[in-house]
């Protein structure tokens, strides 16, 4: 995967080196086949057997962390929400 920029991760991913790649991108590059020719589950199983670390979904921010809007509002003494 050297020299290959990772695409945006929206589903399953695999860590190669210090980067996280979508499993479908890895499968396409490794096999040279079209992404429609295999499933993400097949790629996850294959690269896991090769010793790579796979992740089921992109990591999201913890639910307890305030958004930048909420943090700024709290600093200004407000209680407004972005929906208001």
N, C-alpha and C. Protein backbone atom coordinates (compact mmCIF):
# COMPACT_ATOMS: atom_id res chain seq x y z
N UNK A 1 0.83 -1.20 0.00
CA UNK A 1 0.00 0.00 0.00
C UNK A 1 0.87 1.26 0.00
N UNK A 2 2.16 1.06 -0.12
CA UNK A 2 3.06 2.20 -0.16
C UNK A 2 2.76 3.05 -1.39
N UNK A 3 2.63 4.34 -1.16
CA UNK A 3 2.34 5.25 -2.25
C UNK A 3 0.87 5.37 -2.59
N UNK A 4 -0.01 4.70 -1.83
CA UNK A 4 -1.45 4.75 -2.08
C UNK A 4 -2.10 5.56 -0.96
N UNK A 5 -2.78 6.63 -1.33
CA UNK A 5 -3.47 7.45 -0.35
C UNK A 5 -4.78 6.77 0.06
N UNK A 6 -5.05 6.70 1.36
CA UNK A 6 -6.31 6.09 1.79
C UNK A 6 -7.52 6.93 1.39
N UNK A 7 -8.57 6.25 0.97
CA UNK A 7 -9.83 6.94 0.68
C UNK A 7 -10.55 7.20 2.00
N UNK A 8 -11.64 7.95 1.93
CA UNK A 8 -12.44 8.23 3.11
C UNK A 8 -13.03 6.94 3.66
N UNK A 9 -12.84 6.68 4.95
CA UNK A 9 -13.35 5.46 5.57
C UNK A 9 -14.78 5.70 6.02
N UNK A 10 -15.72 4.93 5.48
CA UNK A 10 -17.12 5.05 5.86
C UNK A 10 -17.68 3.75 6.42
N UNK A 11 -16.93 2.68 6.32
CA UNK A 11 -17.39 1.38 6.81
C UNK A 11 -16.22 0.62 7.41
N UNK A 12 -16.10 -0.65 7.07
CA UNK A 12 -15.01 -1.47 7.59
C UNK A 12 -13.67 -0.94 7.08
N UNK A 13 -12.65 -1.04 7.93
CA UNK A 13 -11.33 -0.55 7.55
C UNK A 13 -10.25 -1.48 8.09
N UNK A 14 -9.04 -1.32 7.57
CA UNK A 14 -7.90 -2.11 8.00
C UNK A 14 -6.73 -1.17 8.22
N UNK A 15 -5.98 -1.40 9.30
CA UNK A 15 -4.80 -0.60 9.58
C UNK A 15 -3.59 -1.25 8.93
N UNK A 16 -2.94 -0.50 8.07
CA UNK A 16 -1.72 -0.96 7.41
C UNK A 16 -0.68 0.13 7.66
N UNK A 17 0.37 -0.24 8.37
CA UNK A 17 1.34 0.76 8.80
C UNK A 17 0.67 1.67 9.81
N UNK A 18 0.71 2.97 9.56
CA UNK A 18 0.05 3.92 10.45
C UNK A 18 -1.23 4.48 9.84
N UNK A 19 -1.66 3.91 8.74
CA UNK A 19 -2.84 4.43 8.04
C UNK A 19 -4.00 3.45 8.10
N UNK A 20 -5.19 4.00 8.00
CA UNK A 20 -6.40 3.21 7.94
C UNK A 20 -6.99 3.31 6.55
N UNK A 21 -7.17 2.15 5.93
CA UNK A 21 -7.72 2.09 4.58
C UNK A 21 -9.08 1.39 4.60
N UNK A 22 -10.01 1.82 3.73
CA UNK A 22 -11.25 1.06 3.58
C UNK A 22 -10.92 -0.33 3.05
N UNK A 23 -11.57 -1.36 3.57
CA UNK A 23 -11.24 -2.72 3.15
C UNK A 23 -11.50 -2.95 1.67
N UNK A 24 -12.48 -2.30 1.10
CA UNK A 24 -12.75 -2.49 -0.32
C UNK A 24 -11.63 -1.92 -1.17
N UNK A 25 -11.02 -0.81 -0.76
CA UNK A 25 -9.88 -0.25 -1.48
C UNK A 25 -8.71 -1.22 -1.42
N UNK A 26 -8.45 -1.78 -0.24
CA UNK A 26 -7.36 -2.74 -0.08
C UNK A 26 -7.60 -3.97 -0.94
N UNK A 27 -8.83 -4.48 -0.92
CA UNK A 27 -9.16 -5.65 -1.73
C UNK A 27 -8.96 -5.41 -3.21
N UNK A 28 -9.35 -4.23 -3.68
CA UNK A 28 -9.19 -3.92 -5.10
C UNK A 28 -7.72 -3.84 -5.48
N UNK A 29 -6.91 -3.23 -4.64
CA UNK A 29 -5.49 -3.08 -4.96
C UNK A 29 -4.77 -4.42 -4.88
N UNK A 30 -5.08 -5.21 -3.87
CA UNK A 30 -4.40 -6.50 -3.70
C UNK A 30 -4.77 -7.48 -4.81
N UNK A 31 -6.05 -7.56 -5.15
CA UNK A 31 -6.49 -8.56 -6.12
C UNK A 31 -6.45 -8.06 -7.56
N UNK A 32 -6.53 -6.74 -7.74
CA UNK A 32 -6.61 -6.21 -9.08
C UNK A 32 -7.98 -6.37 -9.70
N UNK A 33 -8.96 -6.79 -8.89
CA UNK A 33 -10.32 -6.99 -9.37
C UNK A 33 -11.19 -5.78 -9.04
N UNK A 34 -12.33 -5.72 -9.69
CA UNK A 34 -13.31 -4.69 -9.42
C UNK A 34 -13.89 -4.92 -8.03
N UNK A 35 -14.27 -3.86 -7.35
CA UNK A 35 -14.81 -3.97 -5.98
C UNK A 35 -16.12 -4.74 -5.93
N UNK A 36 -16.81 -4.83 -7.04
CA UNK A 36 -18.08 -5.57 -7.06
C UNK A 36 -17.87 -7.07 -7.08
N UNK A 37 -16.61 -7.51 -7.24
CA UNK A 37 -16.32 -8.94 -7.33
C UNK A 37 -16.13 -9.62 -5.97
N UNK A 38 -16.11 -8.86 -4.89
CA UNK A 38 -15.93 -9.44 -3.56
C UNK A 38 -16.67 -8.58 -2.53
N UNK A 39 -16.83 -9.14 -1.33
CA UNK A 39 -17.50 -8.40 -0.26
C UNK A 39 -16.46 -7.90 0.74
N UNK A 40 -16.88 -6.94 1.55
CA UNK A 40 -15.97 -6.43 2.58
C UNK A 40 -15.66 -7.52 3.60
N UNK A 41 -16.61 -8.39 3.85
CA UNK A 41 -16.39 -9.49 4.80
C UNK A 41 -15.29 -10.44 4.33
N UNK A 42 -15.25 -10.71 3.04
CA UNK A 42 -14.20 -11.57 2.49
C UNK A 42 -12.83 -10.93 2.67
N UNK A 43 -12.74 -9.63 2.42
CA UNK A 43 -11.46 -8.94 2.57
C UNK A 43 -11.05 -8.89 4.04
N UNK A 44 -12.01 -8.62 4.92
CA UNK A 44 -11.72 -8.57 6.36
C UNK A 44 -11.16 -9.91 6.81
N UNK A 45 -11.80 -11.01 6.42
CA UNK A 45 -11.30 -12.34 6.80
C UNK A 45 -9.89 -12.58 6.28
N UNK A 46 -9.65 -12.21 5.03
CA UNK A 46 -8.35 -12.46 4.41
C UNK A 46 -7.24 -11.66 5.08
N UNK A 47 -7.44 -10.37 5.27
CA UNK A 47 -6.37 -9.56 5.85
C UNK A 47 -6.19 -9.83 7.34
N UNK A 48 -7.25 -10.25 8.02
CA UNK A 48 -7.12 -10.64 9.43
C UNK A 48 -6.25 -11.89 9.53
N UNK A 49 -6.45 -12.85 8.63
CA UNK A 49 -5.63 -14.06 8.62
C UNK A 49 -4.17 -13.75 8.31
N UNK A 50 -3.93 -12.65 7.62
CA UNK A 50 -2.56 -12.22 7.32
C UNK A 50 -1.93 -11.44 8.48
N UNK A 51 -2.72 -11.16 9.51
CA UNK A 51 -2.19 -10.51 10.70
C UNK A 51 -2.46 -9.02 10.82
N UNK A 52 -3.29 -8.47 9.95
CA UNK A 52 -3.61 -7.05 10.03
C UNK A 52 -4.79 -6.82 10.95
N UNK A 53 -4.89 -5.61 11.50
CA UNK A 53 -5.98 -5.26 12.40
C UNK A 53 -7.11 -4.62 11.60
N UNK A 54 -8.31 -5.17 11.74
CA UNK A 54 -9.48 -4.64 11.05
C UNK A 54 -10.41 -3.97 12.06
N UNK A 55 -11.16 -3.00 11.56
CA UNK A 55 -12.10 -2.24 12.38
C UNK A 55 -13.46 -2.29 11.70
N UNK A 56 -14.51 -2.50 12.48
CA UNK A 56 -15.85 -2.66 11.91
C UNK A 56 -16.43 -1.35 11.37
N UNK A 57 -16.28 -0.26 12.06
CA UNK A 57 -16.85 1.01 11.63
C UNK A 57 -15.88 2.13 11.95
N UNK A 58 -15.99 3.27 11.28
CA UNK A 58 -15.09 4.37 11.62
C UNK A 58 -15.32 4.81 13.06
N UNK A 59 -14.26 5.21 13.70
CA UNK A 59 -14.37 5.64 15.08
C UNK A 59 -15.07 7.00 15.13
N UNK A 60 -16.07 7.08 15.98
CA UNK A 60 -16.80 8.33 16.15
C UNK A 60 -16.34 9.00 17.44
N UNK A 61 -16.59 10.27 17.54
CA UNK A 61 -16.26 10.98 18.77
C UNK A 61 -17.13 10.44 19.90
N UNK A 62 -16.59 10.37 21.12
CA UNK A 62 -17.40 9.90 22.24
C UNK A 62 -18.65 10.76 22.39
N UNK A 63 -19.75 10.14 22.75
CA UNK A 63 -21.04 10.84 22.82
C UNK A 63 -21.03 11.94 23.87
N UNK A 64 -20.21 11.84 24.91
CA UNK A 64 -20.22 12.82 25.98
C UNK A 64 -19.48 14.11 25.66
N UNK A 65 -18.68 14.15 24.60
CA UNK A 65 -17.93 15.35 24.27
C UNK A 65 -18.86 16.39 23.65
N UNK A 66 -18.78 17.64 24.13
CA UNK A 66 -19.63 18.68 23.54
C UNK A 66 -19.12 19.07 22.16
N UNK A 67 -20.03 19.50 21.33
CA UNK A 67 -19.65 20.00 20.01
C UNK A 67 -19.00 21.37 20.20
N UNK A 68 -18.27 21.88 19.22
CA UNK A 68 -17.69 23.22 19.36
C UNK A 68 -18.74 24.28 19.65
N UNK A 69 -19.92 24.15 19.05
CA UNK A 69 -21.01 25.10 19.30
C UNK A 69 -21.43 25.05 20.77
N UNK A 70 -21.59 23.84 21.30
CA UNK A 70 -22.00 23.69 22.69
C UNK A 70 -20.95 24.23 23.64
N UNK A 71 -19.67 24.00 23.35
CA UNK A 71 -18.60 24.50 24.21
C UNK A 71 -18.56 26.02 24.20
N UNK A 72 -18.68 26.63 23.03
CA UNK A 72 -18.68 28.10 22.94
C UNK A 72 -19.89 28.68 23.65
N UNK A 73 -21.03 28.06 23.46
CA UNK A 73 -22.25 28.53 24.12
C UNK A 73 -22.12 28.47 25.63
N UNK A 74 -21.53 27.39 26.13
CA UNK A 74 -21.34 27.24 27.58
C UNK A 74 -20.39 28.31 28.11
N UNK A 75 -19.33 28.61 27.36
CA UNK A 75 -18.37 29.65 27.80
C UNK A 75 -19.02 31.02 27.85
N UNK A 76 -20.01 31.25 27.00
CA UNK A 76 -20.69 32.55 26.97
C UNK A 76 -21.89 32.57 27.91
N UNK A 77 -22.12 31.47 28.60
CA UNK A 77 -23.22 31.41 29.56
C UNK A 77 -24.56 31.09 28.96
N UNK A 78 -24.60 30.70 27.72
CA UNK A 78 -25.84 30.37 27.04
C UNK A 78 -26.22 28.92 27.20
N UNK A 79 -27.46 28.62 26.91
CA UNK A 79 -27.93 27.24 26.96
C UNK A 79 -28.59 26.85 25.65
N UNK A 80 -28.41 27.68 24.62
CA UNK A 80 -29.05 27.41 23.33
C UNK A 80 -28.43 26.19 22.68
N UNK A 81 -29.25 25.49 21.93
CA UNK A 81 -28.78 24.34 21.19
C UNK A 81 -28.74 24.71 19.71
N UNK A 82 -27.97 23.98 18.88
CA UNK A 82 -27.89 24.30 17.45
C UNK A 82 -29.24 24.21 16.74
N UNK A 83 -30.17 23.44 17.25
CA UNK A 83 -31.47 23.26 16.62
C UNK A 83 -32.37 24.46 16.85
N UNK A 84 -32.10 25.26 17.89
CA UNK A 84 -32.99 26.36 18.28
C UNK A 84 -32.87 27.55 17.37
